[in-house]
PDB file of all heavy atoms in Angstrom:
ATOM      1  N   PRO A   1       3.524 -18.848  -8.913  1.00  0.00           N
ATOM      2  CA  PRO A   1       2.581 -17.728  -9.042  1.00  0.00           C
ATOM      3  C   PRO A   1       1.380 -17.828  -8.105  1.00  0.00           C
ATOM      4  O   PRO A   1       0.929 -16.820  -7.558  1.00  0.00           O
ATOM      5  CB  PRO A   1       2.152 -17.795 -10.507  1.00  0.00           C
ATOM      6  CG  PRO A   1       3.268 -18.487 -11.206  1.00  0.00           C
ATOM      7  CD  PRO A   1       3.815 -19.472 -10.215  1.00  0.00           C
ATOM      8  N   LYS A   2       0.849 -19.028  -7.911  1.00  0.00           N
ATOM      9  CA  LYS A   2      -0.312 -19.191  -7.038  1.00  0.00           C
ATOM     10  C   LYS A   2       0.029 -18.791  -5.610  1.00  0.00           C
ATOM     11  O   LYS A   2      -0.723 -18.048  -4.962  1.00  0.00           O
ATOM     12  CB  LYS A   2      -0.802 -20.641  -7.076  1.00  0.00           C
ATOM     13  CG  LYS A   2      -1.990 -20.893  -6.169  1.00  0.00           C
ATOM     14  CD  LYS A   2      -2.401 -22.354  -6.209  1.00  0.00           C
ATOM     15  CE  LYS A   2      -3.539 -22.624  -5.227  1.00  0.00           C
ATOM     16  NZ  LYS A   2      -3.911 -24.060  -5.211  1.00  0.00           N
ATOM     17  N   GLU A   3       1.152 -19.295  -5.098  1.00  0.00           N
ATOM     18  CA  GLU A   3       1.547 -18.991  -3.726  1.00  0.00           C
ATOM     19  C   GLU A   3       1.855 -17.507  -3.557  1.00  0.00           C
ATOM     20  O   GLU A   3       1.507 -16.903  -2.530  1.00  0.00           O
ATOM     21  CB  GLU A   3       2.753 -19.841  -3.318  1.00  0.00           C
ATOM     22  CG  GLU A   3       2.459 -21.312  -3.128  1.00  0.00           C
ATOM     23  CD  GLU A   3       2.321 -22.094  -4.424  1.00  0.00           C
ATOM     24  OE1 GLU A   3       2.734 -21.586  -5.494  1.00  0.00           O
ATOM     25  OE2 GLU A   3       1.800 -23.211  -4.389  1.00  0.00           O
ATOM     26  N   ARG A   4       2.461 -16.923  -4.571  1.00  0.00           N
ATOM     27  CA  ARG A   4       2.749 -15.488  -4.504  1.00  0.00           C
ATOM     28  C   ARG A   4       1.462 -14.673  -4.485  1.00  0.00           C
ATOM     29  O   ARG A   4       1.342 -13.693  -3.755  1.00  0.00           O
ATOM     30  CB  ARG A   4       3.630 -15.078  -5.693  1.00  0.00           C
ATOM     31  CG  ARG A   4       5.036 -15.647  -5.611  1.00  0.00           C
ATOM     32  CD  ARG A   4       5.810 -15.444  -6.903  1.00  0.00           C
ATOM     33  NE  ARG A   4       7.084 -16.122  -6.829  1.00  0.00           N
ATOM     34  CZ  ARG A   4       8.198 -15.585  -6.362  1.00  0.00           C
ATOM     35  NH1 ARG A   4       8.198 -14.330  -5.948  1.00  0.00           N
ATOM     36  NH2 ARG A   4       9.317 -16.266  -6.316  1.00  0.00           N
ATOM     37  N   ARG A   5       0.501 -15.105  -5.285  1.00  0.00           N
ATOM     38  CA  ARG A   5      -0.780 -14.393  -5.343  1.00  0.00           C
ATOM     39  C   ARG A   5      -1.531 -14.491  -4.019  1.00  0.00           C
ATOM     40  O   ARG A   5      -2.208 -13.542  -3.600  1.00  0.00           O
ATOM     41  CB  ARG A   5      -1.625 -14.970  -6.480  1.00  0.00           C
ATOM     42  CG  ARG A   5      -2.907 -14.194  -6.765  1.00  0.00           C
ATOM     43  CD  ARG A   5      -3.617 -14.725  -7.987  1.00  0.00           C
ATOM     44  NE  ARG A   5      -4.101 -16.086  -7.831  1.00  0.00           N
ATOM     45  CZ  ARG A   5      -3.570 -17.159  -8.397  1.00  0.00           C
ATOM     46  NH1 ARG A   5      -2.527 -17.036  -9.197  1.00  0.00           N
ATOM     47  NH2 ARG A   5      -4.073 -18.365  -8.202  1.00  0.00           N
ATOM     48  N   LEU A   6      -1.418 -15.619  -3.339  1.00  0.00           N
ATOM     49  CA  LEU A   6      -2.133 -15.831  -2.083  1.00  0.00           C
ATOM     50  C   LEU A   6      -1.420 -15.233  -0.874  1.00  0.00           C
ATOM     51  O   LEU A   6      -1.989 -15.209   0.223  1.00  0.00           O
ATOM     52  CB  LEU A   6      -2.353 -17.336  -1.857  1.00  0.00           C
ATOM     53  CG  LEU A   6      -3.307 -18.019  -2.843  1.00  0.00           C
ATOM     54  CD1 LEU A   6      -3.314 -19.520  -2.614  1.00  0.00           C
ATOM     55  CD2 LEU A   6      -4.713 -17.450  -2.713  1.00  0.00           C
ATOM     56  N   SER A   7      -0.210 -14.759  -1.068  1.00  0.00           N
ATOM     57  CA  SER A   7       0.546 -14.146   0.034  1.00  0.00           C
ATOM     58  C   SER A   7       0.150 -12.684   0.188  1.00  0.00           C
ATOM     59  O   SER A   7      -0.150 -11.999  -0.789  1.00  0.00           O
ATOM     60  CB  SER A   7       2.048 -14.243  -0.239  1.00  0.00           C
ATOM     61  OG  SER A   7       2.465 -15.596  -0.281  1.00  0.00           O
ATOM     62  N   ASP A   8       0.150 -12.217   1.428  1.00  0.00           N
ATOM     63  CA  ASP A   8      -0.152 -10.810   1.701  1.00  0.00           C
ATOM     64  C   ASP A   8       1.060  -9.911   1.506  1.00  0.00           C
ATOM     65  O   ASP A   8       0.921  -8.695   1.376  1.00  0.00           O
ATOM     66  CB  ASP A   8      -0.671 -10.655   3.135  1.00  0.00           C
ATOM     67  CG  ASP A   8      -1.982 -11.401   3.337  1.00  0.00           C
ATOM     68  OD1 ASP A   8      -2.959 -11.060   2.646  1.00  0.00           O
ATOM     69  OD2 ASP A   8      -2.018 -12.322   4.170  1.00  0.00           O
ATOM     70  N   GLY A   9       2.231 -10.497   1.494  1.00  0.00           N
ATOM     71  CA  GLY A   9       3.466  -9.745   1.268  1.00  0.00           C
ATOM     72  C   GLY A   9       4.580 -10.706   0.897  1.00  0.00           C
ATOM     73  O   GLY A   9       4.526 -11.898   1.241  1.00  0.00           O
ATOM     74  N   ILE A  10       5.577 -10.213   0.173  1.00  0.00           N
ATOM     75  CA  ILE A  10       6.721 -11.037  -0.237  1.00  0.00           C
ATOM     76  C   ILE A  10       8.001 -10.311   0.144  1.00  0.00           C
ATOM     77  O   ILE A  10       8.165  -9.120  -0.133  1.00  0.00           O
ATOM     78  CB  ILE A  10       6.707 -11.316  -1.754  1.00  0.00           C
ATOM     79  CG1 ILE A  10       5.408 -12.028  -2.155  1.00  0.00           C
ATOM     80  CG2 ILE A  10       7.920 -12.153  -2.165  1.00  0.00           C
ATOM     81  CD1 ILE A  10       5.237 -12.229  -3.649  1.00  0.00           C
ATOM     82  N   ILE A  11       8.905 -11.042   0.789  1.00  0.00           N
ATOM     83  CA  ILE A  11      10.217 -10.515   1.142  1.00  0.00           C
ATOM     84  C   ILE A  11      11.253 -11.260   0.316  1.00  0.00           C
ATOM     85  O   ILE A  11      11.417 -12.471   0.462  1.00  0.00           O
ATOM     86  CB  ILE A  11      10.499 -10.682   2.648  1.00  0.00           C
ATOM     87  CG1 ILE A  11       9.505  -9.850   3.473  1.00  0.00           C
ATOM     88  CG2 ILE A  11      11.939 -10.292   2.977  1.00  0.00           C
ATOM     89  CD1 ILE A  11       9.595 -10.071   4.970  1.00  0.00           C
ATOM     90  N   HIS A  12      11.949 -10.549  -0.559  1.00  0.00           N
ATOM     91  CA  HIS A  12      13.011 -11.137  -1.388  1.00  0.00           C
ATOM     92  C   HIS A  12      14.330 -10.945  -0.643  1.00  0.00           C
ATOM     93  O   HIS A  12      14.954  -9.889  -0.714  1.00  0.00           O
ATOM     94  CB  HIS A  12      13.057 -10.465  -2.758  1.00  0.00           C
ATOM     95  CG  HIS A  12      11.805 -10.638  -3.558  1.00  0.00           C
ATOM     96  ND1 HIS A  12      11.536 -11.788  -4.272  1.00  0.00           N
ATOM     97  CD2 HIS A  12      10.725  -9.828  -3.731  1.00  0.00           C
ATOM     98  CE1 HIS A  12      10.353 -11.669  -4.867  1.00  0.00           C
ATOM     99  NE2 HIS A  12       9.842 -10.497  -4.550  1.00  0.00           N
ATOM    100  N   ASN A  13      14.747 -11.967   0.073  1.00  0.00           N
ATOM    101  CA  ASN A  13      15.904 -11.884   0.969  1.00  0.00           C
ATOM    102  C   ASN A  13      17.191 -12.310   0.258  1.00  0.00           C
ATOM    103  O   ASN A  13      17.631 -13.440   0.370  1.00  0.00           O
ATOM    104  CB  ASN A  13      15.647 -12.759   2.205  1.00  0.00           C
ATOM    105  CG  ASN A  13      16.814 -12.751   3.155  1.00  0.00           C
ATOM    106  OD1 ASN A  13      17.604 -11.817   3.179  1.00  0.00           O
ATOM    107  ND2 ASN A  13      16.925 -13.798   3.948  1.00  0.00           N
ATOM    108  N   ARG A  14      17.783 -11.377  -0.465  1.00  0.00           N
ATOM    109  CA  ARG A  14      18.996 -11.699  -1.225  1.00  0.00           C
ATOM    110  C   ARG A  14      20.283 -11.269  -0.525  1.00  0.00           C
ATOM    111  O   ARG A  14      21.352 -11.724  -0.860  1.00  0.00           O
ATOM    112  CB  ARG A  14      18.961 -10.999  -2.590  1.00  0.00           C
ATOM    113  CG  ARG A  14      17.838 -11.446  -3.487  1.00  0.00           C
ATOM    114  CD  ARG A  14      17.935 -10.735  -4.824  1.00  0.00           C
ATOM    115  NE  ARG A  14      16.886 -11.162  -5.733  1.00  0.00           N
ATOM    116  CZ  ARG A  14      15.722 -10.552  -5.853  1.00  0.00           C
ATOM    117  NH1 ARG A  14      15.451  -9.496  -5.106  1.00  0.00           N
ATOM    118  NH2 ARG A  14      14.813 -10.991  -6.707  1.00  0.00           N
ATOM    119  N   GLY A  15      20.166 -10.332   0.426  1.00  0.00           N
ATOM    120  CA  GLY A  15      21.405  -9.707   0.877  1.00  0.00           C
ATOM    121  C   GLY A  15      21.617  -9.595   2.359  1.00  0.00           C
ATOM    122  O   GLY A  15      21.492 -10.570   3.091  1.00  0.00           O
ATOM    123  N   SER A  16      21.888  -8.379   2.808  1.00  0.00           N
ATOM    124  CA  SER A  16      22.387  -8.129   4.147  1.00  0.00           C
ATOM    125  C   SER A  16      21.284  -8.141   5.199  1.00  0.00           C
ATOM    126  O   SER A  16      20.100  -8.052   4.904  1.00  0.00           O
ATOM    127  CB  SER A  16      23.077  -6.765   4.187  1.00  0.00           C
ATOM    128  OG  SER A  16      22.117  -5.738   4.023  1.00  0.00           O
ATOM    129  N   ARG A  17      21.724  -8.195   6.459  1.00  0.00           N
ATOM    130  CA  ARG A  17      20.795  -8.133   7.590  1.00  0.00           C
ATOM    131  C   ARG A  17      20.060  -6.784   7.610  1.00  0.00           C
ATOM    132  O   ARG A  17      18.856  -6.731   7.830  1.00  0.00           O
ATOM    133  CB  ARG A  17      21.593  -8.323   8.877  1.00  0.00           C
ATOM    134  CG  ARG A  17      20.783  -8.229  10.143  1.00  0.00           C
ATOM    135  CD  ARG A  17      20.116  -9.528  10.451  1.00  0.00           C
ATOM    136  NE  ARG A  17      19.432  -9.507  11.719  1.00  0.00           N
ATOM    137  CZ  ARG A  17      18.914 -10.564  12.277  1.00  0.00           C
ATOM    138  NH1 ARG A  17      18.994 -11.731  11.686  1.00  0.00           N
ATOM    139  NH2 ARG A  17      18.295 -10.487  13.429  1.00  0.00           N
ATOM    140  N   ALA A  18      20.814  -5.715   7.371  1.00  0.00           N
ATOM    141  CA  ALA A  18      20.195  -4.384   7.356  1.00  0.00           C
ATOM    142  C   ALA A  18      19.157  -4.289   6.247  1.00  0.00           C
ATOM    143  O   ALA A  18      18.074  -3.728   6.429  1.00  0.00           O
ATOM    144  CB  ALA A  18      21.259  -3.307   7.184  1.00  0.00           C
ATOM    145  N   GLY A  19      19.485  -4.855   5.106  1.00  0.00           N
ATOM    146  CA  GLY A  19      18.538  -4.861   3.998  1.00  0.00           C
ATOM    147  C   GLY A  19      17.302  -5.650   4.326  1.00  0.00           C
ATOM    148  O   GLY A  19      16.181  -5.251   3.984  1.00  0.00           O
ATOM    149  N   LEU A  20      17.476  -6.768   5.031  1.00  0.00           N
ATOM    150  CA  LEU A  20      16.344  -7.606   5.418  1.00  0.00           C
ATOM    151  C   LEU A  20      15.427  -6.860   6.390  1.00  0.00           C
ATOM    152  O   LEU A  20      14.208  -6.969   6.306  1.00  0.00           O
ATOM    153  CB  LEU A  20      16.837  -8.905   6.042  1.00  0.00           C
ATOM    154  CG  LEU A  20      15.760  -9.908   6.459  1.00  0.00           C
ATOM    155  CD1 LEU A  20      14.909 -10.315   5.265  1.00  0.00           C
ATOM    156  CD2 LEU A  20      16.393 -11.134   7.105  1.00  0.00           C
ATOM    157  N   GLU A  21      16.001  -6.102   7.293  1.00  0.00           N
ATOM    158  CA  GLU A  21      15.188  -5.318   8.232  1.00  0.00           C
ATOM    159  C   GLU A  21      14.301  -4.332   7.476  1.00  0.00           C
ATOM    160  O   GLU A  21      13.120  -4.177   7.792  1.00  0.00           O
ATOM    161  CB  GLU A  21      16.093  -4.581   9.217  1.00  0.00           C
ATOM    162  CG  GLU A  21      16.755  -5.493  10.231  1.00  0.00           C
ATOM    163  CD  GLU A  21      17.568  -4.723  11.262  1.00  0.00           C
ATOM    164  OE1 GLU A  21      17.365  -3.502  11.388  1.00  0.00           O
ATOM    165  OE2 GLU A  21      18.385  -5.360  11.931  1.00  0.00           O
ATOM    166  N   GLY A  22      14.866  -3.671   6.467  1.00  0.00           N
ATOM    167  CA  GLY A  22      14.093  -2.731   5.671  1.00  0.00           C
ATOM    168  C   GLY A  22      12.984  -3.417   4.903  1.00  0.00           C
ATOM    169  O   GLY A  22      11.843  -2.924   4.847  1.00  0.00           O
ATOM    170  N   LEU A  23      13.285  -4.575   4.326  1.00  0.00           N
ATOM    171  CA  LEU A  23      12.283  -5.328   3.572  1.00  0.00           C
ATOM    172  C   LEU A  23      11.158  -5.809   4.486  1.00  0.00           C
ATOM    173  O   LEU A  23       9.981  -5.778   4.117  1.00  0.00           O
ATOM    174  CB  LEU A  23      12.943  -6.531   2.895  1.00  0.00           C
ATOM    175  CG  LEU A  23      13.911  -6.223   1.740  1.00  0.00           C
ATOM    176  CD1 LEU A  23      14.685  -7.476   1.368  1.00  0.00           C
ATOM    177  CD2 LEU A  23      13.159  -5.680   0.535  1.00  0.00           C
ATOM    178  N   THR A  24      11.521  -6.256   5.679  1.00  0.00           N
ATOM    179  CA  THR A  24      10.523  -6.725   6.639  1.00  0.00           C
ATOM    180  C   THR A  24       9.625  -5.574   7.071  1.00  0.00           C
ATOM    181  O   THR A  24       8.400  -5.725   7.172  1.00  0.00           O
ATOM    182  CB  THR A  24      11.209  -7.353   7.864  1.00  0.00           C
ATOM    183  OG1 THR A  24      12.019  -8.449   7.432  1.00  0.00           O
ATOM    184  CG2 THR A  24      10.185  -7.852   8.876  1.00  0.00           C
ATOM    185  N   ARG A  25      10.214  -4.428   7.305  1.00  0.00           N
ATOM    186  CA  ARG A  25       9.424  -3.272   7.710  1.00  0.00           C
ATOM    187  C   ARG A  25       8.426  -2.871   6.630  1.00  0.00           C
ATOM    188  O   ARG A  25       7.259  -2.653   6.889  1.00  0.00           O
ATOM    189  CB  ARG A  25      10.367  -2.097   8.026  1.00  0.00           C
ATOM    190  CG  ARG A  25       9.647  -0.881   8.626  1.00  0.00           C
ATOM    191  CD  ARG A  25      10.628   0.191   9.039  1.00  0.00           C
ATOM    192  NE  ARG A  25      11.390   0.692   7.903  1.00  0.00           N
ATOM    193  CZ  ARG A  25      12.673   0.430   7.685  1.00  0.00           C
ATOM    194  NH1 ARG A  25      13.371  -0.317   8.532  1.00  0.00           N
ATOM    195  NH2 ARG A  25      13.294   0.912   6.627  1.00  0.00           N
ATOM    196  N   ARG A  26       8.890  -2.857   5.379  1.00  0.00           N
ATOM    197  CA  ARG A  26       7.999  -2.446   4.283  1.00  0.00           C
ATOM    198  C   ARG A  26       6.908  -3.479   4.014  1.00  0.00           C
ATOM    199  O   ARG A  26       5.769  -3.128   3.705  1.00  0.00           O
ATOM    200  CB  ARG A  26       8.807  -2.177   3.012  1.00  0.00           C
ATOM    201  CG  ARG A  26       9.648  -0.903   3.087  1.00  0.00           C
ATOM    202  CD  ARG A  26      10.181  -0.520   1.730  1.00  0.00           C
ATOM    203  NE  ARG A  26      11.167  -1.456   1.222  1.00  0.00           N
ATOM    204  CZ  ARG A  26      12.464  -1.423   1.529  1.00  0.00           C
ATOM    205  NH1 ARG A  26      12.928  -0.508   2.359  1.00  0.00           N
ATOM    206  NH2 ARG A  26      13.290  -2.304   1.014  1.00  0.00           N
ATOM    207  N   ALA A  27       7.267  -4.779   4.113  1.00  0.00           N
ATOM    208  CA  ALA A  27       6.306  -5.831   3.801  1.00  0.00           C
ATOM    209  C   ALA A  27       5.309  -6.076   4.925  1.00  0.00           C
ATOM    210  O   ALA A  27       4.207  -6.551   4.677  1.00  0.00           O
ATOM    211  CB  ALA A  27       7.043  -7.126   3.490  1.00  0.00           C
ATOM    212  N   LEU A  28       5.697  -5.719   6.149  1.00  0.00           N
ATOM    213  CA  LEU A  28       4.885  -6.146   7.280  1.00  0.00           C
ATOM    214  C   LEU A  28       4.745  -5.114   8.377  1.00  0.00           C
ATOM    215  O   LEU A  28       3.643  -4.680   8.701  1.00  0.00           O
ATOM    216  CB  LEU A  28       5.491  -7.449   7.835  1.00  0.00           C
ATOM    217  CG  LEU A  28       4.775  -8.080   9.010  1.00  0.00           C
ATOM    218  CD1 LEU A  28       3.341  -8.424   8.635  1.00  0.00           C
ATOM    219  CD2 LEU A  28       5.508  -9.318   9.474  1.00  0.00           C
ATOM    220  N   LEU A  29       5.853  -4.695   8.952  1.00  0.00           N
ATOM    221  CA  LEU A  29       5.783  -3.894  10.166  1.00  0.00           C
ATOM    222  C   LEU A  29       5.129  -2.538   9.950  1.00  0.00           C
ATOM    223  O   LEU A  29       4.469  -2.018  10.843  1.00  0.00           O
ATOM    224  CB  LEU A  29       7.184  -3.725  10.765  1.00  0.00           C
ATOM    225  CG  LEU A  29       7.828  -5.028  11.274  1.00  0.00           C
ATOM    226  CD1 LEU A  29       9.254  -4.778  11.713  1.00  0.00           C
ATOM    227  CD2 LEU A  29       7.013  -5.642  12.404  1.00  0.00           C
TER     228      LEU A  29
END
């Protein structure tokens, strides 16, 4: 919980490359 609270964004990378691109865009880009 502490590390999650101190993070500016969290990417839960459970699946596909395409899914990861979408998660990265929403969390950061």
